């Protein structure tokens, strides 16, 4: 089947589907849109970019990486996997050890100005 033949059959079925779903008339449905939708569905189901790449027949994983940017659930999953640091409330109070170490450290500015 040629690309034009597939586009013809797809548009015929889209027009038939518009009788039940009127919002389809404002949508752009093409073989390319179906390909992207299929790729995102596979990515959401498997969470495996390699399977998407194999399904679409991409020769390089870099070509398939665009789907990670297009899928918001992948972004949310990445954000949820990050563990927030545990922060304590209050003010910082330097320990006596830190103060003594800073006092004992040679002051670089005073050496430069002394020369």
C-alpha atoms as a PDB file:
ATOM      1  CA  UNK A   1       0.000   0.000   0.000  1.00  0.00           C
ATOM      2  CA  UNK A   2       1.313   3.421  -0.886  1.00  0.00           C
ATOM      3  CA  UNK A   3       1.432   6.360   1.484  1.00  0.00           C
ATOM      4  CA  UNK A   4      -1.236   8.144  -0.572  1.00  0.00           C
ATOM      5  CA  UNK A   5      -3.470   5.068  -0.401  1.00  0.00           C
ATOM      6  CA  UNK A   6      -3.123   4.930   3.387  1.00  0.00           C
ATOM      7  CA  UNK A   7      -3.884   8.665   3.658  1.00  0.00           C
ATOM      8  CA  UNK A   8      -7.010   8.162   1.528  1.00  0.00           C
ATOM      9  CA  UNK A   9      -8.291   5.280   3.690  1.00  0.00           C
ATOM     10  CA  UNK A  10      -7.468   7.141   6.889  1.00  0.00           C
ATOM     11  CA  UNK A  11      -9.299  10.309   5.796  1.00  0.00           C
ATOM     12  CA  UNK A  12     -12.315   8.224   4.763  1.00  0.00           C
ATOM     13  CA  UNK A  13     -12.453   6.646   8.245  1.00  0.00           C
ATOM     14  CA  UNK A  14     -11.907   9.993   9.977  1.00  0.00           C
ATOM     15  CA  UNK A  15     -14.880  11.467   8.080  1.00  0.00           C
ATOM     16  CA  UNK A  16     -16.994   8.462   9.094  1.00  0.00           C
ATOM     17  CA  UNK A  17     -15.906   8.838  12.732  1.00  0.00           C
ATOM     18  CA  UNK A  18     -16.819  12.546  12.706  1.00  0.00           C
ATOM     19  CA  UNK A  19     -20.514  11.580  12.711  1.00  0.00           C
ATOM     20  CA  UNK A  20     -20.066  10.139  16.232  1.00  0.00           C
ATOM     21  CA  UNK A  21     -17.297  12.412  17.450  1.00  0.00           C
ATOM     22  CA  UNK A  22     -17.763  15.933  16.105  1.00  0.00           C
ATOM     23  CA  UNK A  23     -14.525  17.206  17.689  1.00  0.00           C
ATOM     24  CA  UNK A  24     -12.558  15.210  15.109  1.00  0.00           C
ATOM     25  CA  UNK A  25     -13.450  17.798  12.481  1.00  0.00           C
ATOM     26  CA  UNK A  26     -11.188  20.336  14.220  1.00  0.00           C
ATOM     27  CA  UNK A  27      -8.304  17.842  14.618  1.00  0.00           C
ATOM     28  CA  UNK A  28      -5.488  17.155  12.200  1.00  0.00           C
ATOM     29  CA  UNK A  29      -5.329  13.375  11.702  1.00  0.00           C
ATOM     30  CA  UNK A  30      -2.575  12.075   9.465  1.00  0.00           C
ATOM     31  CA  UNK A  31      -0.380   8.984   9.245  1.00  0.00           C
ATOM     32  CA  UNK A  32       2.399  10.966  10.910  1.00  0.00           C
ATOM     33  CA  UNK A  33       0.137  11.916  13.832  1.00  0.00           C
ATOM     34  CA  UNK A  34      -0.847   8.263  14.219  1.00  0.00           C
ATOM     35  CA  UNK A  35       2.840   7.288  14.238  1.00  0.00           C
ATOM     36  CA  UNK A  36       3.626   9.767  17.027  1.00  0.00           C
ATOM     37  CA  UNK A  37       0.568   8.709  19.009  1.00  0.00           C
ATOM     38  CA  UNK A  38       1.586   5.080  18.700  1.00  0.00           C
ATOM     39  CA  UNK A  39       5.130   5.882  19.817  1.00  0.00           C
ATOM     40  CA  UNK A  40       3.949   7.798  22.896  1.00  0.00           C
ATOM     41  CA  UNK A  41       1.531   4.998  23.791  1.00  0.00           C
ATOM     42  CA  UNK A  42       4.331   2.419  23.603  1.00  0.00           C
ATOM     43  CA  UNK A  43       6.603   4.652  25.676  1.00  0.00           C
ATOM     44  CA  UNK A  44       3.940   5.122  28.365  1.00  0.00           C
ATOM     45  CA  UNK A  45       3.146   1.403  28.451  1.00  0.00           C
ATOM     46  CA  UNK A  46       6.703   0.055  28.505  1.00  0.00           C
ATOM     47  CA  UNK A  47       8.836   2.972  29.755  1.00  0.00           C
ATOM     48  CA  UNK A  48      11.472   1.611  27.363  1.00  0.00           C
ATOM     49  CA  UNK A  49      12.790   3.923  24.666  1.00  0.00           C
ATOM     50  CA  UNK A  50      14.543   1.029  22.903  1.00  0.00           C
ATOM     51  CA  UNK A  51      11.195  -0.658  22.215  1.00  0.00           C
ATOM     52  CA  UNK A  52       9.834   2.569  20.740  1.00  0.00           C
ATOM     53  CA  UNK A  53      12.918   2.842  18.556  1.00  0.00           C
ATOM     54  CA  UNK A  54      12.527  -0.746  17.325  1.00  0.00           C
ATOM     55  CA  UNK A  55       8.803  -0.312  16.691  1.00  0.00           C
ATOM     56  CA  UNK A  56       9.328   2.843  14.631  1.00  0.00           C
ATOM     57  CA  UNK A  57      12.347   1.441  12.805  1.00  0.00           C
ATOM     58  CA  UNK A  58      14.719   4.220  13.830  1.00  0.00           C
ATOM     59  CA  UNK A  59      18.368   3.546  13.086  1.00  0.00           C
ATOM     60  CA  UNK A  60      19.543   5.712  15.980  1.00  0.00           C
ATOM     61  CA  UNK A  61      18.330   6.133  19.563  1.00  0.00           C
ATOM     62  CA  UNK A  62      18.934   9.894  19.197  1.00  0.00           C
ATOM     63  CA  UNK A  63      16.057  10.051  16.726  1.00  0.00           C
ATOM     64  CA  UNK A  64      13.763   8.414  19.262  1.00  0.00           C
ATOM     65  CA  UNK A  65      14.788  10.681  22.161  1.00  0.00           C
ATOM     66  CA  UNK A  66      12.344  13.380  21.001  1.00  0.00           C
ATOM     67  CA  UNK A  67       9.571  11.276  22.505  1.00  0.00           C
ATOM     68  CA  UNK A  68      11.052  11.711  25.981  1.00  0.00           C
ATOM     69  CA  UNK A  69      10.632  15.465  25.557  1.00  0.00           C
ATOM     70  CA  UNK A  70       7.097  15.135  24.227  1.00  0.00           C
ATOM     71  CA  UNK A  71       5.771  12.855  26.971  1.00  0.00           C
ATOM     72  CA  UNK A  72       4.905  14.807  30.147  1.00  0.00           C
ATOM     73  CA  UNK A  73       4.605  11.621  32.219  1.00  0.00           C
ATOM     74  CA  UNK A  74       8.310  10.913  31.639  1.00  0.00           C
ATOM     75  CA  UNK A  75       9.137  14.397  32.939  1.00  0.00           C
ATOM     76  CA  UNK A  76       6.911  13.914  35.990  1.00  0.00           C
ATOM     77  CA  UNK A  77       8.477  10.533  36.696  1.00  0.00           C
ATOM     78  CA  UNK A  78      11.950  12.065  36.558  1.00  0.00           C
ATOM     79  CA  UNK A  79      10.928  14.846  38.930  1.00  0.00           C
ATOM     80  CA  UNK A  80       9.343  12.394  41.354  1.00  0.00           C
ATOM     81  CA  UNK A  81      12.471  10.246  41.410  1.00  0.00           C
ATOM     82  CA  UNK A  82      14.550  13.115  42.778  1.00  0.00           C
ATOM     83  CA  UNK A  83      14.754  13.029  46.558  1.00  0.00           C
ATOM     84  CA  UNK A  84      14.417  16.415  48.160  1.00  0.00           C
ATOM     85  CA  UNK A  85      17.177  17.300  50.630  1.00  0.00           C
ATOM     86  CA  UNK A  86      16.249  17.281  54.276  1.00  0.00           C
ATOM     87  CA  UNK A  87      16.482  20.827  55.522  1.00  0.00           C
ATOM     88  CA  UNK A  88      16.352  21.954  59.096  1.00  0.00           C
ATOM     89  CA  UNK A  89      14.661  25.138  60.107  1.00  0.00           C
ATOM     90  CA  UNK A  90      16.449  27.839  62.027  1.00  0.00           C
ATOM     91  CA  UNK A  91      19.619  29.841  61.670  1.00  0.00           C
ATOM     92  CA  UNK A  92      23.118  28.594  60.971  1.00  0.00           C
ATOM     93  CA  UNK A  93      25.359  28.605  64.030  1.00  0.00           C
ATOM     94  CA  UNK A  94      29.009  27.928  63.448  1.00  0.00           C
ATOM     95  CA  UNK A  95      30.654  25.473  65.801  1.00  0.00           C
ATOM     96  CA  UNK A  96      33.607  26.490  67.973  1.00  0.00           C
ATOM     97  CA  UNK A  97      35.822  24.169  65.884  1.00  0.00           C
ATOM     98  CA  UNK A  98      34.888  26.012  62.688  1.00  0.00           C
ATOM     99  CA  UNK A  99      35.529  29.431  64.242  1.00  0.00           C
ATOM    100  CA  UNK A 100      38.941  28.334  65.550  1.00  0.00           C
ATOM    101  CA  UNK A 101      39.881  26.841  62.169  1.00  0.00           C
ATOM    102  CA  UNK A 102      38.935  30.065  60.379  1.00  0.00           C
ATOM    103  CA  UNK A 103      40.897  32.172  62.879  1.00  0.00           C
ATOM    104  CA  UNK A 104      43.947  29.941  62.518  1.00  0.00           C
ATOM    105  CA  UNK A 105      43.868  29.952  58.707  1.00  0.00           C
ATOM    106  CA  UNK A 106      46.256  32.452  57.141  1.00  0.00           C
ATOM    107  CA  UNK A 107      44.478  35.458  55.716  1.00  0.00           C
ATOM    108  CA  UNK A 108      45.388  35.730  52.020  1.00  0.00           C
ATOM    109  CA  UNK A 109      44.572  39.416  51.740  1.00  0.00           C
ATOM    110  CA  UNK A 110      46.807  40.484  54.568  1.00  0.00           C
ATOM    111  CA  UNK A 111      49.769  38.650  52.989  1.00  0.00           C
ATOM    112  CA  UNK A 112      49.253  40.385  49.649  1.00  0.00           C
ATOM    113  CA  UNK A 113      48.916  43.837  51.168  1.00  0.00           C
ATOM    114  CA  UNK A 114      51.957  43.316  53.372  1.00  0.00           C
ATOM    115  CA  UNK A 115      54.270  42.831  50.374  1.00  0.00           C
END
